[in-house]
N, C-alpha and C. Protein backbone atom coordinates (compact mmCIF):
# COMPACT_ATOMS: atom_id res chain seq x y z
N MET A 1 -33.51 -187.44 21.17
CA MET A 1 -32.30 -187.69 20.82
C MET A 1 -31.77 -189.10 21.09
N GLU A 2 -31.17 -189.83 20.20
CA GLU A 2 -31.07 -191.14 20.36
C GLU A 2 -29.74 -191.45 21.06
N LEU A 3 -29.62 -192.70 21.76
CA LEU A 3 -28.59 -192.91 22.59
C LEU A 3 -27.08 -192.69 22.05
N ALA A 4 -26.78 -192.98 20.83
CA ALA A 4 -25.44 -192.70 20.00
C ALA A 4 -25.14 -190.99 20.08
N GLY A 5 -26.18 -190.18 19.83
CA GLY A 5 -25.99 -188.81 19.96
C GLY A 5 -25.54 -188.27 21.41
N ILE A 6 -26.42 -188.90 22.29
CA ILE A 6 -26.00 -188.45 23.78
C ILE A 6 -24.48 -189.06 24.15
N VAL A 7 -24.32 -190.29 23.68
CA VAL A 7 -22.76 -190.79 24.12
C VAL A 7 -21.76 -189.95 23.36
N TYR A 8 -21.96 -189.52 22.06
CA TYR A 8 -21.21 -188.59 21.46
C TYR A 8 -20.87 -187.28 22.22
N LEU A 9 -22.08 -186.57 22.50
CA LEU A 9 -22.17 -185.25 23.00
C LEU A 9 -21.43 -185.44 24.51
N THR A 10 -21.40 -186.63 25.30
CA THR A 10 -21.00 -186.85 26.61
C THR A 10 -19.52 -186.99 26.38
N ALA A 11 -19.13 -187.82 25.32
CA ALA A 11 -17.52 -187.92 25.20
C ALA A 11 -16.90 -186.68 24.93
N GLY A 12 -17.66 -185.76 24.00
CA GLY A 12 -16.92 -184.55 23.53
C GLY A 12 -16.88 -183.63 24.86
N ILE A 13 -17.90 -183.58 25.64
CA ILE A 13 -17.71 -182.89 26.68
C ILE A 13 -16.54 -183.37 27.74
N MET A 14 -16.29 -184.63 27.61
CA MET A 14 -15.28 -185.28 28.51
C MET A 14 -14.06 -184.79 28.02
N PHE A 15 -13.88 -184.84 26.65
CA PHE A 15 -12.65 -184.46 26.10
C PHE A 15 -12.23 -182.85 26.37
N ALA A 16 -13.33 -182.13 26.26
CA ALA A 16 -13.21 -180.49 26.46
C ALA A 16 -12.72 -180.34 27.90
N ILE A 17 -13.56 -180.95 28.91
CA ILE A 17 -13.11 -180.84 30.12
C ILE A 17 -11.68 -181.19 30.66
N SER A 18 -11.34 -182.26 30.05
CA SER A 18 -9.99 -182.78 30.39
C SER A 18 -9.00 -182.00 29.75
N ALA A 19 -9.14 -181.57 28.68
CA ALA A 19 -8.20 -180.45 27.88
C ALA A 19 -8.14 -179.30 28.77
N LEU A 20 -9.23 -178.91 28.83
CA LEU A 20 -9.26 -177.57 29.85
C LEU A 20 -8.68 -177.59 31.08
N SER A 21 -8.81 -178.51 31.69
CA SER A 21 -8.49 -178.90 33.09
C SER A 21 -6.91 -179.00 33.24
N THR A 22 -6.55 -179.61 32.16
CA THR A 22 -5.00 -179.88 31.94
C THR A 22 -4.20 -178.69 31.72
N GLY A 23 -4.80 -177.91 30.88
CA GLY A 23 -4.13 -176.47 30.59
C GLY A 23 -4.12 -175.75 31.70
N ILE A 24 -5.18 -175.55 32.48
CA ILE A 24 -5.39 -174.68 33.66
C ILE A 24 -4.24 -175.26 34.64
N GLY A 25 -4.24 -176.54 34.92
CA GLY A 25 -3.27 -177.26 35.85
C GLY A 25 -1.80 -176.84 35.61
N PHE A 26 -1.41 -177.20 34.31
CA PHE A 26 -0.11 -176.85 33.76
C PHE A 26 0.37 -175.52 33.88
N ALA A 27 -0.61 -174.59 33.55
CA ALA A 27 -0.33 -172.99 33.81
C ALA A 27 -0.20 -172.75 35.39
N LEU A 28 -0.91 -173.31 36.30
CA LEU A 28 -0.86 -172.78 37.57
C LEU A 28 0.62 -173.53 38.10
N LEU A 29 0.77 -174.80 37.79
CA LEU A 29 2.04 -175.38 38.11
C LEU A 29 3.36 -174.75 37.59
N GLY A 30 3.27 -174.35 36.36
CA GLY A 30 4.34 -173.69 35.88
C GLY A 30 4.66 -172.32 36.44
N GLY A 31 3.63 -171.64 36.56
CA GLY A 31 3.48 -170.29 37.24
C GLY A 31 4.18 -170.33 38.60
N LYS A 32 3.76 -171.30 39.45
CA LYS A 32 4.28 -171.51 40.68
C LYS A 32 5.61 -171.74 40.81
N LEU A 33 6.17 -172.55 39.95
CA LEU A 33 7.64 -173.09 39.66
C LEU A 33 8.32 -171.81 39.61
N LEU A 34 8.05 -171.13 38.60
CA LEU A 34 8.83 -169.82 38.15
C LEU A 34 8.90 -168.87 39.27
N GLU A 35 7.45 -168.77 40.11
CA GLU A 35 7.66 -167.86 41.18
C GLU A 35 8.53 -168.23 42.35
N THR A 36 8.57 -169.43 42.52
CA THR A 36 9.38 -170.05 43.74
C THR A 36 10.70 -170.04 43.17
N THR A 37 11.01 -170.38 42.15
CA THR A 37 12.38 -170.24 41.50
C THR A 37 13.07 -168.94 41.69
N ALA A 38 12.02 -167.79 41.45
CA ALA A 38 12.75 -166.61 41.34
C ALA A 38 12.83 -166.00 42.87
N ARG A 39 12.31 -166.69 43.83
CA ARG A 39 12.54 -166.25 45.26
C ARG A 39 13.65 -167.11 45.77
N GLN A 40 13.88 -168.15 45.62
CA GLN A 40 14.80 -169.09 46.04
C GLN A 40 15.55 -170.03 44.90
N PRO A 41 16.45 -169.24 44.33
CA PRO A 41 17.08 -170.00 43.03
C PRO A 41 17.89 -171.00 43.45
N GLU A 42 18.28 -171.24 44.67
CA GLU A 42 19.23 -172.35 45.14
C GLU A 42 18.34 -173.75 45.07
N LEU A 43 17.10 -173.61 45.29
CA LEU A 43 16.29 -174.69 45.30
C LEU A 43 15.61 -175.35 43.84
N ALA A 44 16.05 -174.64 42.69
CA ALA A 44 15.65 -174.73 41.45
C ALA A 44 15.75 -176.16 41.02
N PRO A 45 16.74 -176.95 41.29
CA PRO A 45 16.80 -178.35 40.81
C PRO A 45 15.80 -179.09 41.63
N GLN A 46 15.72 -179.03 42.84
CA GLN A 46 14.73 -179.72 43.69
C GLN A 46 13.35 -179.56 43.21
N LEU A 47 13.00 -178.35 43.14
CA LEU A 47 11.66 -177.86 42.60
C LEU A 47 11.43 -178.30 41.39
N GLN A 48 12.26 -178.24 40.28
CA GLN A 48 12.09 -178.84 38.85
C GLN A 48 11.93 -180.51 38.86
N THR A 49 12.50 -181.21 39.65
CA THR A 49 12.09 -182.42 39.77
C THR A 49 10.87 -182.82 40.28
N LYS A 50 10.47 -182.04 41.31
CA LYS A 50 9.26 -182.27 41.76
C LYS A 50 8.01 -181.82 41.17
N THR A 51 8.15 -180.79 40.25
CA THR A 51 7.36 -180.22 39.15
C THR A 51 7.25 -181.36 37.97
N PHE A 52 8.22 -181.96 37.60
CA PHE A 52 8.08 -183.25 36.68
C PHE A 52 7.27 -184.24 37.23
N ILE A 53 7.30 -184.37 38.46
CA ILE A 53 6.55 -185.49 38.92
C ILE A 53 5.07 -185.26 39.05
N LEU A 54 4.82 -184.06 39.42
CA LEU A 54 3.60 -183.69 39.61
C LEU A 54 3.00 -183.47 38.22
N ALA A 55 3.73 -183.12 37.20
CA ALA A 55 3.30 -182.88 35.81
C ALA A 55 2.71 -184.23 35.15
N GLY A 56 3.69 -185.12 35.48
CA GLY A 56 3.29 -186.55 35.17
C GLY A 56 2.01 -187.00 35.96
N LEU A 57 1.53 -186.74 37.27
CA LEU A 57 0.26 -187.16 37.81
C LEU A 57 -0.73 -186.08 37.48
N LEU A 58 -0.55 -184.97 37.22
CA LEU A 58 -1.39 -184.02 36.53
C LEU A 58 -1.97 -184.35 35.13
N ASP A 59 -0.97 -185.20 34.35
CA ASP A 59 -1.38 -185.66 33.04
C ASP A 59 -2.13 -186.82 33.31
N ALA A 60 -1.98 -187.72 34.16
CA ALA A 60 -2.68 -188.98 34.26
C ALA A 60 -4.27 -188.90 34.20
N VAL A 61 -4.72 -187.91 35.01
CA VAL A 61 -6.22 -187.77 35.14
C VAL A 61 -6.81 -187.61 33.82
N PRO A 62 -6.49 -186.72 32.94
CA PRO A 62 -7.32 -186.52 31.64
C PRO A 62 -6.93 -187.52 30.78
N MET A 63 -5.82 -188.42 31.08
CA MET A 63 -5.81 -189.66 29.94
C MET A 63 -6.82 -190.79 30.44
N ILE A 64 -6.99 -190.86 31.57
CA ILE A 64 -7.97 -191.71 31.99
C ILE A 64 -9.53 -191.35 31.65
N SER A 65 -9.74 -189.93 31.66
CA SER A 65 -10.99 -189.35 30.91
C SER A 65 -11.12 -189.60 29.67
N VAL A 66 -9.91 -189.38 28.77
CA VAL A 66 -9.94 -189.84 27.44
C VAL A 66 -10.11 -191.26 27.11
N GLY A 67 -9.45 -192.06 27.95
CA GLY A 67 -9.95 -193.52 27.98
C GLY A 67 -11.10 -193.88 27.90
N ILE A 68 -11.88 -193.29 29.02
CA ILE A 68 -13.28 -193.65 29.32
C ILE A 68 -14.13 -192.99 28.01
N ALA A 69 -13.98 -191.85 27.64
CA ALA A 69 -14.55 -191.15 26.33
C ALA A 69 -14.38 -192.01 25.21
N MET A 70 -13.23 -192.70 24.76
CA MET A 70 -13.10 -193.45 23.67
C MET A 70 -13.94 -194.73 23.86
N TYR A 71 -13.84 -195.39 25.05
CA TYR A 71 -14.62 -196.43 25.31
C TYR A 71 -16.10 -196.32 24.98
N LEU A 72 -16.59 -194.91 25.49
CA LEU A 72 -18.03 -194.63 25.26
C LEU A 72 -18.29 -194.74 23.59
N ILE A 73 -17.30 -193.78 22.92
CA ILE A 73 -17.65 -193.81 21.62
C ILE A 73 -17.55 -195.01 20.86
N PHE A 74 -16.60 -195.92 21.12
CA PHE A 74 -16.45 -197.27 20.36
C PHE A 74 -16.96 -198.48 20.64
N VAL A 75 -17.38 -198.56 22.02
CA VAL A 75 -17.91 -199.67 22.69
C VAL A 75 -19.75 -199.40 22.89
N VAL A 76 -19.79 -198.43 23.52
CA VAL A 76 -21.21 -198.18 23.89
C VAL A 76 -22.20 -197.53 22.65
N ALA A 77 -21.62 -196.73 21.93
CA ALA A 77 -22.33 -196.06 20.80
C ALA A 77 -22.06 -197.17 19.74
């Protein structure tokens, strides 16, 4: 297998893992938010604010992975 094929395969795996991990992370985060809001409704605004901050941080890691994968595709290969 030539280098370009390996780079494309690696980039595809990076895309897949980042998408899968983001989906799982958002599902867990949303589930915990709903669970905690159901237990203590008076804390809902504070929990929602913290959830949005964590969602931004959770989304930043796959964006870095996608950036590295795009670098591999367009520069290395």
